[in-house]
Amino acid sequence: MPNATHTDQTACRTPGNSDALIAENRLLRDTIQSLEQQLDWFKRQLFGPKSERRPIEPDPKQGSLFAELIGQPAEAEAKETITYQRRKGKKRRGDADVTDAGLRFSADVPVESIQLTPEELRGPEADQYDTIGEKRSYRLAQRPGSYVVLEYIRPIIKRKGTDALISPPMPSAVFPGCIADVSVLAGILVDKFAYHLPLYRQHQRLADAGITLSRSTLTHWVKRSIALLEPIVDAQLQHILQSKVLAVDETPIKAGKQGKGTLHQGWFWPVFGEDDEIVFTYSPTRATQHLEAVLGDFAGTLLSDGYSAYDCYAKQRDQVIQAQCWVHTRREFLKAEQMEPEATATALEFFAALYVIEQQIRDKDLTGAQKRDYRASHSLPVVNRFFAWCHEQRQRLDLVPSNPLSKALEYATKREAQLRVFLSDPEVPPDTNHLERALRVIPMGRKAWLFCWSEVGAKQVGIIQSLLTTCRMQGVDPYVYLVDVLQRVSLHPNSDVIALTPRLWKEHFAKAPLRSGLAHKPSDSEAQ
C-alpha cells in the first residue's frame, strides 16, 4: 500500500502532468480575470455614472504631454471698462425673462390672472385708501390631462317651395370611420413615442376621464395614423442618402415571437444625414444584407463603429469611404482601466487632447479648408503619437492576448486608416455621438413598452420615431407637426411628399399649420 501511494505521488510530479497543471492554472486565471472584468462592467452599468465625460483640463500641478500639440487658446481681446447709467426698463415676459421668483417661461405659455383684494378695501374704511400701483408675482400651476367631446350641430334646412334638404357636411376625419379628432391621434402618438407612455396607461387615463374605449381601438388608431406617415419617412430617407457623410449604427429590439416564451431579437439601424435628419430602419438580423438594401449605391463617407458589417459593406464599393468613431475606440481602452491604470490614463490623455482641439475649432467657428488645415497642424501630430504609442505598447512581453489593453490596442491599430479619415475631410466628425444622442429614444422606449409584439409593429415604431426625433433636431413641436401633417397628407400631392418632412415643413407650413377641430370650437359668447 505505501508503495502504491509513493507511485501515485511520483506520477503526479512527472513533467507532463506539471505542464498540464500549469496550463490549466493559466487558463483558470485568465477565466477568472475575464469574469472579474465582466462583473466590474456590470457594476459600472448599474451603479456607476452613465456619462463618459471627463475633465479635460490638465492638473495645474502636473504638466501635459500634448501642450505643444493641441495649441493654445485664442488670446483674449483687449477690453476697456465703460461706465454709464440708464433707465430701468419695464419687465416683460419672453424667452429670456425671469420673474422675481426665478420662474422662466415664454410668451406662448398661457397666464391666468388672479386679482387679490386687500382686507382694507373690503371694510367700512375702504374709501380711506387709494390704489397707487400693483405687484405681480408668478407661480407655476398644472391641470391634469383632460379630454373634450366635440359636438357638431348641423342645421337641416329646406328651400322654400321644394323638398330638397340641405345640411352642412361634417369635417373630414383623418381616415374613414374614425371617431377621434386629429388632436387625439396626435396626442396618443406623442405620448407613446415621445414621452414613452404605453397605450394601456393612456387607456387607463381615458377611463379615469369617463371615456369608454377598448384598448384595441387605440392600437388601431396608432397603426392607421403611422401608415399615413410612411411615405414621408421614405422621402426623408431618400434625401438622407444624398448626403456626403452618413452616420450609421444599430440597436437591438425584441420584436415578434421566436418560440414558446421567447421573442425574436431584431435590430433598428438608424441612418443619420448631414441635414440633421434621421430614419430608423428595421431588420430582423444584424447582417450586412440590410445595409446593402437600405444604403444601396450610396457614394460618400460612412461613419460608424467597429462592427464588421460596415467594413464588409465599404470594401465592396469603391465609392464608399469608411470612417470610424474615436469614442468607440476610447471605450475599448476604458475596459482596461482597472488592470492597466497607467497605460489607460496615457491613452485617455491622447483622446482628451483631440477633443480639446475639436472644441477650439468650434470656438473659432472654423469650416471647410480652415478646419482641415487646423486639424492637420494640431490633431495630426496627436494621432501620429497615439498610434506610435500603440505600437510600442504591443511590444510589451507582459501583455497577454486576454488582457483588455491588448484587445484595445488591437482594436485601434486594426482601424487606423478609418480613424484617420476625419483629418482629411472637414465634414467628417471624429465620432458618432450625434447619432447616439438621437437614437436614445429607442432604449428609453424599451424601458416603458419593453418589446414589440410583431415585426410590423417594430417597423411602425421606426417610422414614427424617425419623424418625432427629426422634429426635435429641427426645432419643430412634434404635436403641432402631427396635427398638421395627418390632415394635410391626404390633400398633398404625392410627387411633393418631401415637403412634409420636418426639415421642409417648418419652412412651408409652420407659420400657418392646420389646426384640430378643438381649435375651432366657438367660445361661450359666440355660442350664445
Protein backbone atom coordinates (compact mmCIF):
# COMPACT_ATOMS: atom_id res chain seq x y z
CA MET A 1 0.00 0.00 0.00
CA PRO A 2 2.83 2.53 0.79
CA ASN A 3 4.47 1.64 -2.48
CA ALA A 4 1.24 2.41 -4.35
CA THR A 5 0.95 5.83 -2.66
CA HIS A 6 4.54 6.65 -3.49
CA THR A 7 3.91 5.65 -7.09
CA ASP A 8 0.82 7.95 -7.32
CA GLN A 9 2.74 10.94 -5.91
CA THR A 10 5.61 10.33 -8.32
CA ALA A 11 3.18 10.13 -11.23
CA CYS A 12 1.64 13.48 -10.26
CA ARG A 13 5.08 15.09 -10.35
CA THR A 14 6.01 13.95 -13.83
CA PRO A 15 6.93 16.75 -16.29
CA GLY A 16 3.89 16.06 -18.45
CA ASN A 17 1.42 16.45 -15.60
CA SER A 18 3.24 19.52 -14.34
CA ASP A 19 2.90 21.27 -17.71
CA ALA A 20 -0.78 20.35 -17.84
CA LEU A 21 -1.37 21.79 -14.37
CA ILE A 22 0.46 24.99 -15.27
CA ALA A 23 -1.60 25.33 -18.44
CA GLU A 24 -4.82 24.64 -16.53
CA ASN A 25 -3.82 27.14 -13.87
CA ARG A 26 -3.12 29.80 -16.51
CA LEU A 27 -6.47 29.07 -18.17
CA LEU A 28 -8.32 29.35 -14.88
CA ARG A 29 -6.58 32.63 -14.02
CA ASP A 30 -7.48 34.06 -17.44
CA THR A 31 -11.09 32.92 -16.98
CA ILE A 32 -11.31 34.47 -13.50
CA GLN A 33 -9.78 37.67 -14.83
CA SER A 34 -12.29 37.80 -17.67
CA LEU A 35 -15.21 37.18 -15.31
CA GLU A 36 -13.96 39.89 -12.94
CA GLN A 37 -13.85 42.33 -15.85
CA GLN A 38 -17.40 41.44 -16.84
CA LEU A 39 -18.60 41.82 -13.24
CA ASP A 40 -16.87 45.19 -12.97
CA TRP A 41 -18.53 46.31 -16.22
CA PHE A 42 -21.98 45.27 -14.97
CA LYS A 43 -21.39 47.11 -11.69
CA ARG A 44 -20.50 50.28 -13.60
CA GLN A 45 -23.65 49.94 -15.71
CA LEU A 46 -25.85 49.55 -12.63
CA PHE A 47 -24.22 51.81 -10.07
CA GLY A 48 -21.65 53.91 -11.92
CA PRO A 49 -22.12 57.22 -13.74
CA LYS A 50 -23.61 56.90 -17.22
CA SER A 51 -21.82 59.94 -18.62
CA GLU A 52 -18.48 59.38 -20.32
CA ARG A 53 -17.44 62.98 -19.84
CA ARG A 54 -14.18 63.52 -18.02
CA PRO A 55 -12.38 66.73 -17.14
CA ILE A 56 -10.02 67.54 -19.99
CA GLU A 57 -8.34 70.49 -18.30
CA PRO A 58 -4.87 69.38 -17.15
CA ASP A 59 -3.93 69.43 -13.50
CA PRO A 60 -2.07 72.72 -12.86
CA LYS A 61 0.42 70.79 -10.71
CA GLN A 62 1.15 68.30 -13.48
CA GLY A 63 2.46 69.00 -16.96
CA SER A 64 0.82 67.71 -20.11
CA LEU A 65 2.46 65.67 -22.85
CA PHE A 66 0.46 67.47 -25.51
CA ALA A 67 0.67 71.14 -24.59
CA GLU A 68 2.68 71.88 -27.74
CA LEU A 69 0.34 69.81 -29.94
CA ILE A 70 -3.16 70.94 -29.06
CA GLY A 71 -2.31 74.59 -29.48
CA GLN A 72 -3.02 77.48 -27.19
CA PRO A 73 -6.44 79.05 -26.79
CA ALA A 74 -7.02 82.27 -28.62
CA GLU A 75 -5.67 85.29 -26.79
CA ALA A 76 -8.30 87.35 -25.06
CA GLU A 77 -9.05 90.59 -26.85
CA ALA A 78 -8.13 93.79 -25.10
CA LYS A 79 -11.07 95.21 -23.18
CA GLU A 80 -11.89 98.58 -21.71
CA THR A 81 -14.36 99.41 -18.97
CA ILE A 82 -17.15 101.83 -19.80
CA THR A 83 -19.49 103.10 -17.10
CA TYR A 84 -22.84 104.75 -17.72
CA GLN A 85 -26.34 104.98 -16.30
CA ARG A 86 -29.59 104.00 -17.94
CA ARG A 87 -33.25 103.93 -17.02
CA LYS A 88 -34.52 100.58 -15.79
CA GLY A 89 -36.70 99.01 -18.45
CA LYS A 90 -40.15 97.57 -17.93
CA LYS A 91 -40.25 93.86 -17.08
CA ARG A 92 -41.74 91.86 -19.95
CA ARG A 93 -42.36 88.18 -20.42
CA GLY A 94 -40.23 86.47 -23.02
CA ASP A 95 -37.83 83.65 -23.76
CA ALA A 96 -35.03 85.27 -21.77
CA ASP A 97 -37.11 86.89 -19.00
CA VAL A 98 -37.10 85.60 -15.44
CA THR A 99 -39.57 86.59 -12.73
CA ASP A 100 -38.56 87.69 -9.26
CA ALA A 101 -39.08 84.14 -8.01
CA GLY A 102 -36.82 82.71 -10.73
CA LEU A 103 -39.62 81.31 -12.90
CA ARG A 104 -38.69 81.36 -16.60
CA PHE A 105 -41.36 80.94 -19.28
CA SER A 106 -42.01 82.04 -22.84
CA ALA A 107 -44.79 84.24 -24.19
CA ASP A 108 -46.60 81.15 -25.53
CA VAL A 109 -47.39 79.91 -22.02
CA PRO A 110 -50.98 80.87 -21.03
CA VAL A 111 -51.24 83.08 -17.97
CA GLU A 112 -54.38 83.34 -15.85
CA SER A 113 -54.55 86.41 -13.64
CA ILE A 114 -55.96 86.20 -10.12
CA GLN A 115 -56.92 89.50 -8.55
CA LEU A 116 -56.29 89.66 -4.81
CA THR A 117 -58.18 92.32 -2.84
CA PRO A 118 -56.75 93.59 0.46
CA GLU A 119 -58.97 93.32 3.51
CA GLU A 120 -58.70 97.10 3.95
CA LEU A 121 -60.61 97.68 0.71
CA ARG A 122 -63.46 95.44 1.86
CA GLY A 123 -64.21 97.13 5.15
CA PRO A 124 -66.11 100.28 6.00
CA GLU A 125 -62.93 102.34 5.67
CA ALA A 126 -62.25 101.31 2.07
CA ASP A 127 -62.68 104.90 0.89
CA GLN A 128 -59.73 105.88 3.05
CA TYR A 129 -57.29 104.04 0.73
CA ASP A 130 -56.02 104.82 -2.77
CA THR A 131 -54.53 102.20 -5.09
CA ILE A 132 -51.23 103.62 -6.30
CA GLY A 133 -49.76 100.57 -8.04
CA GLU A 134 -49.68 96.82 -8.14
CA LYS A 135 -47.29 93.93 -7.64
CA ARG A 136 -47.18 90.93 -9.95
CA SER A 137 -45.94 87.55 -8.75
CA TYR A 138 -45.91 84.30 -10.68
CA ARG A 139 -46.39 80.70 -9.62
CA LEU A 140 -46.39 77.62 -11.82
CA ALA A 141 -49.62 75.55 -11.82
CA GLN A 142 -50.79 72.42 -13.59
CA ARG A 143 -54.07 70.97 -14.81
CA PRO A 144 -54.45 67.21 -15.19
CA GLY A 145 -54.80 65.97 -18.76
CA SER A 146 -58.35 66.47 -19.97
CA TYR A 147 -60.45 65.34 -22.91
CA VAL A 148 -63.27 67.15 -24.70
CA VAL A 149 -66.07 65.72 -26.81
CA LEU A 150 -66.77 67.95 -29.81
CA GLU A 151 -70.46 68.17 -30.64
CA TYR A 152 -71.08 69.33 -34.20
CA ILE A 153 -74.56 70.80 -34.56
CA ARG A 154 -75.57 70.89 -38.22
CA PRO A 155 -78.85 72.54 -39.07
CA ILE A 156 -81.07 70.90 -41.63
CA ILE A 157 -82.61 73.45 -43.93
CA LYS A 158 -85.26 73.20 -46.63
CA ARG A 159 -85.55 75.51 -49.56
CA LYS A 160 -88.99 77.04 -49.73
CA GLY A 161 -91.12 75.65 -52.49
CA THR A 162 -89.02 72.49 -52.85
CA ASP A 163 -88.48 69.29 -50.94
CA ALA A 164 -84.66 69.50 -51.10
CA LEU A 165 -82.99 69.19 -47.72
CA ILE A 166 -79.57 70.68 -47.14
CA SER A 167 -77.18 70.10 -44.24
CA PRO A 168 -73.53 71.16 -43.99
CA PRO A 169 -71.11 68.21 -44.22
CA MET A 170 -69.06 67.00 -41.29
CA PRO A 171 -65.39 68.00 -41.31
CA SER A 172 -63.43 65.16 -42.86
CA ALA A 173 -61.79 62.71 -40.47
CA VAL A 174 -58.15 61.67 -40.70
CA PHE A 175 -59.29 58.28 -42.02
CA PRO A 176 -62.80 56.99 -42.79
CA GLY A 177 -64.92 55.96 -39.85
CA CYS A 178 -62.61 57.43 -37.22
CA ILE A 179 -64.46 58.85 -34.21
CA ALA A 180 -61.34 60.60 -32.92
CA ASP A 181 -60.32 64.15 -33.69
CA VAL A 182 -56.83 64.65 -35.08
CA SER A 183 -55.82 66.18 -31.75
CA VAL A 184 -56.42 62.83 -30.04
CA LEU A 185 -54.47 60.88 -32.68
CA ALA A 186 -51.50 63.25 -32.47
CA GLY A 187 -51.64 63.24 -28.67
CA ILE A 188 -51.60 59.44 -28.48
CA LEU A 189 -48.60 59.24 -30.82
CA VAL A 190 -46.63 61.93 -28.97
CA ASP A 191 -47.43 60.47 -25.53
CA LYS A 192 -46.44 56.94 -26.56
CA PHE A 193 -43.36 57.58 -28.68
CA ALA A 194 -42.01 60.94 -27.47
CA TYR A 195 -42.80 60.56 -23.77
CA HIS A 196 -42.89 56.73 -23.71
CA LEU A 197 -46.36 56.37 -22.16
CA PRO A 198 -47.67 52.91 -23.16
CA LEU A 199 -51.16 52.60 -24.61
CA TYR A 200 -52.51 50.69 -21.61
CA ARG A 201 -51.67 53.67 -19.37
CA GLN A 202 -53.30 56.06 -21.82
CA HIS A 203 -56.31 53.74 -21.81
CA GLN A 204 -56.44 54.00 -18.02
CA ARG A 205 -56.28 57.77 -18.24
CA LEU A 206 -59.20 57.80 -20.69
CA ALA A 207 -61.20 55.58 -18.35
CA ASP A 208 -60.47 57.89 -15.42
CA ALA A 209 -61.80 60.79 -17.54
CA GLY A 210 -65.07 58.90 -18.06
CA ILE A 211 -64.45 57.82 -21.66
CA THR A 212 -65.07 54.18 -22.57
CA LEU A 213 -62.92 52.80 -25.39
CA SER A 214 -61.36 49.42 -25.99
CA ARG A 215 -57.59 49.24 -25.93
CA SER A 216 -57.63 47.65 -29.39
CA THR A 217 -59.23 50.85 -30.68
CA LEU A 218 -56.19 52.83 -29.56
CA THR A 219 -53.91 50.29 -31.24
CA HIS A 220 -55.96 50.57 -34.44
CA TRP A 221 -55.70 54.37 -34.40
CA VAL A 222 -51.92 54.22 -33.93
CA LYS A 223 -51.45 51.74 -36.80
CA ARG A 224 -53.66 53.70 -39.22
CA SER A 225 -52.00 57.02 -38.35
CA ILE A 226 -48.48 55.69 -38.79
CA ALA A 227 -49.44 54.12 -42.13
CA LEU A 228 -50.33 57.61 -43.39
CA LEU A 229 -46.88 58.88 -42.39
CA GLU A 230 -44.83 56.11 -44.02
CA PRO A 231 -44.42 57.86 -47.44
CA ILE A 232 -42.99 60.90 -45.65
CA VAL A 233 -40.33 58.77 -43.95
CA ASP A 234 -39.47 57.08 -47.27
CA ALA A 235 -38.94 60.51 -48.85
CA GLN A 236 -36.82 61.60 -45.88
CA LEU A 237 -34.62 58.51 -46.24
CA GLN A 238 -34.05 59.22 -49.93
CA HIS A 239 -32.89 62.72 -49.06
CA ILE A 240 -30.61 61.43 -46.31
CA LEU A 241 -28.92 59.05 -48.76
CA GLN A 242 -27.86 62.07 -50.84
CA SER A 243 -25.61 63.24 -48.00
CA LYS A 244 -21.85 63.20 -48.44
CA VAL A 245 -21.39 61.85 -44.90
CA LEU A 246 -23.68 59.24 -43.34
CA ALA A 247 -23.58 58.07 -39.74
CA VAL A 248 -24.96 54.56 -39.14
CA ASP A 249 -25.42 52.46 -36.02
CA GLU A 250 -27.58 49.60 -34.77
CA THR A 251 -29.52 49.00 -31.57
CA PRO A 252 -31.44 45.85 -30.52
CA ILE A 253 -35.20 45.48 -30.16
CA LYS A 254 -37.32 42.48 -29.24
CA ALA A 255 -39.91 42.05 -31.99
CA GLY A 256 -42.10 39.10 -32.87
CA LYS A 257 -42.41 35.66 -31.34
CA GLN A 258 -39.48 33.32 -31.93
CA GLY A 259 -40.58 30.33 -29.90
CA LYS A 260 -42.55 29.38 -26.85
CA GLY A 261 -41.94 32.05 -24.25
CA THR A 262 -39.23 33.82 -26.27
CA LEU A 263 -39.16 36.86 -28.54
CA HIS A 264 -37.13 37.36 -31.68
CA GLN A 265 -34.09 39.63 -31.49
CA GLY A 266 -34.43 42.33 -34.14
CA TRP A 267 -32.41 45.47 -34.84
CA PHE A 268 -33.02 49.12 -35.57
CA TRP A 269 -30.45 50.60 -37.96
CA PRO A 270 -30.65 54.42 -37.64
CA VAL A 271 -29.25 56.39 -40.58
CA PHE A 272 -28.25 60.00 -39.81
CA GLY A 273 -27.83 62.56 -42.61
CA GLU A 274 -25.89 65.80 -42.80
CA ASP A 275 -29.06 67.97 -42.57
CA ASP A 276 -29.99 66.78 -39.06
CA GLU A 277 -32.41 64.11 -40.21
CA ILE A 278 -32.64 60.50 -39.07
CA VAL A 279 -34.53 57.39 -40.16
CA PHE A 280 -34.82 54.23 -38.06
CA THR A 281 -34.87 51.24 -40.40
CA TYR A 282 -35.75 47.83 -39.00
CA SER A 283 -34.15 44.49 -39.81
CA PRO A 284 -34.73 41.05 -38.26
CA THR A 285 -30.98 40.39 -38.49
CA ARG A 286 -27.69 42.18 -37.95
CA ALA A 287 -26.29 41.06 -41.28
CA THR A 288 -24.68 43.19 -43.99
CA GLN A 289 -27.57 42.50 -46.36
CA HIS A 290 -29.69 45.10 -44.58
CA LEU A 291 -27.06 47.78 -45.17
CA GLU A 292 -26.95 46.85 -48.83
CA ALA A 293 -30.74 47.03 -49.12
CA VAL A 294 -31.05 50.39 -47.32
CA LEU A 295 -27.96 52.27 -48.49
CA GLY A 296 -27.95 50.82 -51.99
CA ASP A 297 -25.48 52.68 -54.21
CA PHE A 298 -24.60 55.33 -51.64
CA ALA A 299 -21.47 57.29 -52.55
CA GLY A 300 -19.65 59.17 -49.79
CA THR A 301 -18.22 58.65 -46.32
CA LEU A 302 -19.81 56.09 -44.00
CA LEU A 303 -19.16 56.87 -40.32
CA SER A 304 -19.75 54.01 -37.89
CA ASP A 305 -18.39 52.00 -35.00
CA GLY A 306 -16.11 48.98 -35.39
CA TYR A 307 -18.80 46.43 -36.28
CA SER A 308 -17.57 44.23 -39.14
CA ALA A 309 -20.75 44.64 -41.25
CA TYR A 310 -19.83 48.24 -42.08
CA ASP A 311 -16.32 47.24 -43.09
CA CYS A 312 -17.72 44.47 -45.30
CA TYR A 313 -20.14 46.89 -46.96
CA ALA A 314 -17.48 49.54 -47.60
CA LYS A 315 -14.93 47.10 -49.04
CA GLN A 316 -17.41 46.01 -51.73
CA ARG A 317 -17.85 49.59 -53.01
CA ASP A 318 -15.12 51.83 -54.33
CA GLN A 319 -17.29 54.94 -53.99
CA VAL A 320 -17.65 54.48 -50.21
CA ILE A 321 -15.02 55.76 -47.76
CA GLN A 322 -15.26 54.21 -44.32
CA ALA A 323 -14.62 56.33 -41.24
CA GLN A 324 -14.78 55.05 -37.69
CA CYS A 325 -15.62 56.54 -34.34
CA TRP A 326 -12.92 57.63 -31.88
CA VAL A 327 -15.32 57.41 -28.93
CA HIS A 328 -15.90 53.70 -29.53
CA THR A 329 -12.12 53.27 -29.62
CA ARG A 330 -11.85 55.16 -26.35
CA ARG A 331 -14.39 52.80 -24.74
CA GLU A 332 -12.16 49.84 -25.53
CA PHE A 333 -9.35 51.43 -23.51
CA LEU A 334 -11.73 52.21 -20.64
CA LYS A 335 -12.28 48.47 -20.24
CA ALA A 336 -8.59 48.15 -19.33
CA GLU A 337 -8.61 50.89 -16.72
CA GLN A 338 -8.72 48.53 -13.75
CA MET A 339 -5.89 46.25 -14.89
CA GLU A 340 -3.71 48.82 -16.68
CA PRO A 341 -4.39 52.18 -14.98
CA GLU A 342 -1.19 53.92 -16.15
CA ALA A 343 -1.46 52.87 -19.78
CA THR A 344 -5.16 53.68 -19.83
CA ALA A 345 -4.52 57.13 -18.38
CA THR A 346 -1.99 57.82 -21.15
CA ALA A 347 -4.44 56.66 -23.83
CA LEU A 348 -7.22 58.82 -22.39
CA GLU A 349 -4.91 61.83 -22.46
CA PHE A 350 -4.49 61.33 -26.21
CA PHE A 351 -8.26 61.28 -26.67
CA ALA A 352 -8.70 64.32 -24.43
CA ALA A 353 -6.13 66.23 -26.49
CA LEU A 354 -8.08 65.51 -29.68
CA TYR A 355 -11.30 66.82 -28.19
CA VAL A 356 -9.63 69.96 -26.85
CA ILE A 357 -8.67 70.68 -30.45
CA GLU A 358 -12.23 69.99 -31.66
CA GLN A 359 -13.53 72.42 -29.05
CA GLN A 360 -11.07 75.04 -30.26
CA ILE A 361 -12.34 74.52 -33.82
CA ARG A 362 -15.91 75.16 -32.66
CA ASP A 363 -14.86 78.21 -30.64
CA LYS A 364 -13.06 79.67 -33.65
CA ASP A 365 -16.03 78.75 -35.90
CA LEU A 366 -13.73 77.15 -38.48
CA THR A 367 -15.22 75.40 -41.50
CA GLY A 368 -14.05 73.91 -44.79
CA ALA A 369 -10.39 74.28 -45.63
CA GLN A 370 -9.63 76.22 -42.44
CA LYS A 371 -10.98 73.38 -40.34
CA ARG A 372 -8.99 70.80 -42.33
CA ASP A 373 -5.78 72.83 -42.01
CA TYR A 374 -6.28 73.29 -38.27
CA ARG A 375 -6.73 69.55 -37.81
CA ALA A 376 -3.65 68.90 -39.94
CA SER A 377 -1.47 71.17 -37.81
CA HIS A 378 -2.88 70.21 -34.40
CA SER A 379 -4.79 66.91 -34.49
CA LEU A 380 -2.48 65.04 -36.87
CA PRO A 381 0.57 65.12 -34.52
CA VAL A 382 -1.61 63.82 -31.67
CA VAL A 383 -2.93 60.99 -33.85
CA ASN A 384 0.59 60.08 -35.02
CA ARG A 385 1.88 59.92 -31.46
CA PHE A 386 -1.13 57.87 -30.37
CA PHE A 387 -0.57 55.14 -32.94
CA ALA A 388 3.20 55.19 -32.27
CA TRP A 389 2.41 54.67 -28.59
CA CYS A 390 0.04 51.82 -29.50
CA HIS A 391 2.84 50.13 -31.46
CA GLU A 392 5.21 50.47 -28.50
CA GLN A 393 2.67 49.01 -26.10
CA ARG A 394 2.06 45.99 -28.32
CA GLN A 395 5.75 45.10 -27.99
CA ARG A 396 5.41 44.55 -24.26
CA LEU A 397 6.18 40.96 -23.32
CA ASP A 398 3.90 41.02 -20.28
CA LEU A 399 0.77 41.72 -22.32
CA VAL A 400 -1.14 38.51 -22.90
CA PRO A 401 -3.91 38.34 -25.55
CA SER A 402 -6.61 38.10 -22.87
CA ASN A 403 -5.55 41.42 -21.34
CA PRO A 404 -8.18 44.08 -22.16
CA LEU A 405 -5.39 46.51 -23.04
CA SER A 406 -4.18 44.08 -25.72
CA LYS A 407 -7.68 43.95 -27.16
CA ALA A 408 -7.96 47.76 -27.11
CA LEU A 409 -4.59 48.17 -28.85
CA GLU A 410 -5.57 45.64 -31.49
CA TYR A 411 -8.93 47.36 -31.99
CA ALA A 412 -7.26 50.74 -32.57
CA THR A 413 -4.36 49.63 -34.80
CA LYS A 414 -6.61 47.44 -36.94
CA ARG A 415 -8.78 50.50 -37.72
CA GLU A 416 -6.03 53.11 -38.04
CA ALA A 417 -6.88 54.09 -41.63
CA GLN A 418 -10.58 54.54 -40.83
CA LEU A 419 -9.82 56.56 -37.69
CA ARG A 420 -7.63 58.97 -39.70
CA VAL A 421 -10.36 59.88 -42.22
CA PHE A 422 -11.62 62.88 -40.24
CA LEU A 423 -8.19 64.52 -40.58
CA SER A 424 -8.52 64.93 -44.34
CA ASP A 425 -12.27 65.62 -44.60
CA PRO A 426 -13.56 68.59 -42.55
CA GLU A 427 -17.18 67.41 -42.94
CA VAL A 428 -16.49 64.15 -41.08
CA PRO A 429 -16.88 64.35 -37.29
CA PRO A 430 -14.47 62.33 -35.15
CA ASP A 431 -17.27 60.31 -33.55
CA THR A 432 -20.91 59.20 -33.80
CA ASN A 433 -22.05 60.97 -30.64
CA HIS A 434 -24.65 62.97 -32.56
CA LEU A 435 -26.21 59.72 -33.79
CA GLU A 436 -26.13 58.08 -30.36
CA ARG A 437 -27.93 61.06 -28.85
CA ALA A 438 -30.64 60.76 -31.50
CA LEU A 439 -31.18 57.00 -31.13
CA ARG A 440 -31.53 57.30 -27.36
CA VAL A 441 -35.32 57.27 -27.82
CA ILE A 442 -35.21 53.53 -28.62
CA PRO A 443 -33.57 52.29 -25.38
CA MET A 444 -35.67 54.78 -23.39
CA GLY A 445 -38.79 53.38 -25.05
CA ARG A 446 -37.72 49.82 -24.33
CA LYS A 447 -37.83 50.60 -20.62
CA ALA A 448 -41.51 51.53 -20.98
CA TRP A 449 -43.01 49.19 -23.58
CA LEU A 450 -40.22 46.57 -23.41
CA PHE A 451 -40.80 44.94 -26.82
CA CYS A 452 -42.92 44.89 -29.99
CA TRP A 453 -45.47 42.13 -30.50
CA SER A 454 -44.58 41.78 -34.18
CA GLU A 455 -42.00 42.88 -36.72
CA VAL A 456 -44.67 45.03 -38.34
CA GLY A 457 -45.02 46.84 -35.02
CA ALA A 458 -41.25 47.37 -34.88
CA LYS A 459 -41.29 48.90 -38.36
CA GLN A 460 -44.07 51.25 -37.28
CA VAL A 461 -42.03 52.30 -34.23
CA GLY A 462 -39.16 53.13 -36.57
CA ILE A 463 -41.44 55.20 -38.84
CA ILE A 464 -42.93 57.40 -36.13
CA GLN A 465 -39.64 57.77 -34.23
CA SER A 466 -37.94 58.91 -37.44
CA LEU A 467 -40.34 61.87 -37.64
CA LEU A 468 -40.53 62.70 -33.94
CA THR A 469 -36.76 62.60 -33.43
CA THR A 470 -36.19 64.69 -36.55
CA CYS A 471 -38.75 67.20 -35.26
CA ARG A 472 -36.72 67.58 -32.08
CA MET A 473 -33.49 68.15 -34.02
CA GLN A 474 -35.18 70.66 -36.35
CA GLY A 475 -36.76 72.62 -33.51
CA VAL A 476 -40.32 71.65 -34.50
CA ASP A 477 -43.08 70.93 -31.97
CA PRO A 478 -43.96 67.25 -32.63
CA TYR A 479 -47.62 67.71 -31.62
CA VAL A 480 -48.21 70.72 -33.89
CA TYR A 481 -46.42 68.90 -36.72
CA LEU A 482 -48.52 65.73 -36.43
CA VAL A 483 -51.81 67.64 -36.15
CA ASP A 484 -50.98 69.43 -39.39
CA VAL A 485 -49.46 66.57 -41.37
CA LEU A 486 -52.11 63.97 -40.50
CA GLN A 487 -54.70 66.29 -42.07
CA ARG A 488 -52.54 67.53 -44.92
CA VAL A 489 -51.17 64.19 -46.14
CA SER A 490 -54.39 63.22 -47.94
CA LEU A 491 -54.51 66.57 -49.77
CA HIS A 492 -50.83 66.94 -50.57
CA PRO A 493 -49.55 65.79 -53.99
CA ASN A 494 -47.58 62.56 -53.81
CA SER A 495 -44.88 63.96 -56.10
CA ASP A 496 -44.00 66.60 -53.48
CA VAL A 497 -44.22 64.47 -50.35
CA ILE A 498 -40.69 65.57 -49.41
CA ALA A 499 -42.19 68.94 -48.42
CA LEU A 500 -43.94 67.24 -45.49
CA THR A 501 -40.69 66.13 -43.84
CA PRO A 502 -39.95 68.18 -40.69
CA ARG A 503 -36.94 69.88 -42.31
CA LEU A 504 -39.04 71.41 -45.12
CA TRP A 505 -42.35 71.54 -43.25
CA LYS A 506 -41.04 74.23 -40.92
CA GLU A 507 -40.24 76.39 -43.97
CA HIS A 508 -43.51 75.89 -45.88
CA PHE A 509 -46.26 75.24 -43.34
CA ALA A 510 -45.06 76.04 -39.80
CA LYS A 511 -46.23 79.67 -39.95
CA ALA A 512 -49.86 78.66 -40.61
CA PRO A 513 -50.31 74.99 -39.65
CA LEU A 514 -53.63 73.20 -39.86
CA ARG A 515 -55.39 73.04 -36.50
CA SER A 516 -57.67 70.46 -34.95
CA GLY A 517 -61.40 70.79 -34.51
CA LEU A 518 -60.78 71.71 -30.90
CA ALA A 519 -59.13 74.97 -32.01
CA HIS A 520 -62.25 75.96 -33.98
CA LYS A 521 -64.64 75.39 -31.08
CA PRO A 522 -66.67 78.59 -30.61
CA SER A 523 -66.36 80.44 -27.34
CA ASP A 524 -69.26 80.67 -24.89
CA SER A 525 -70.11 84.17 -26.06
CA GLU A 526 -70.19 83.09 -29.71
CA ALA A 527 -72.35 80.07 -28.87
CA GLN A 528 -74.89 82.34 -27.16
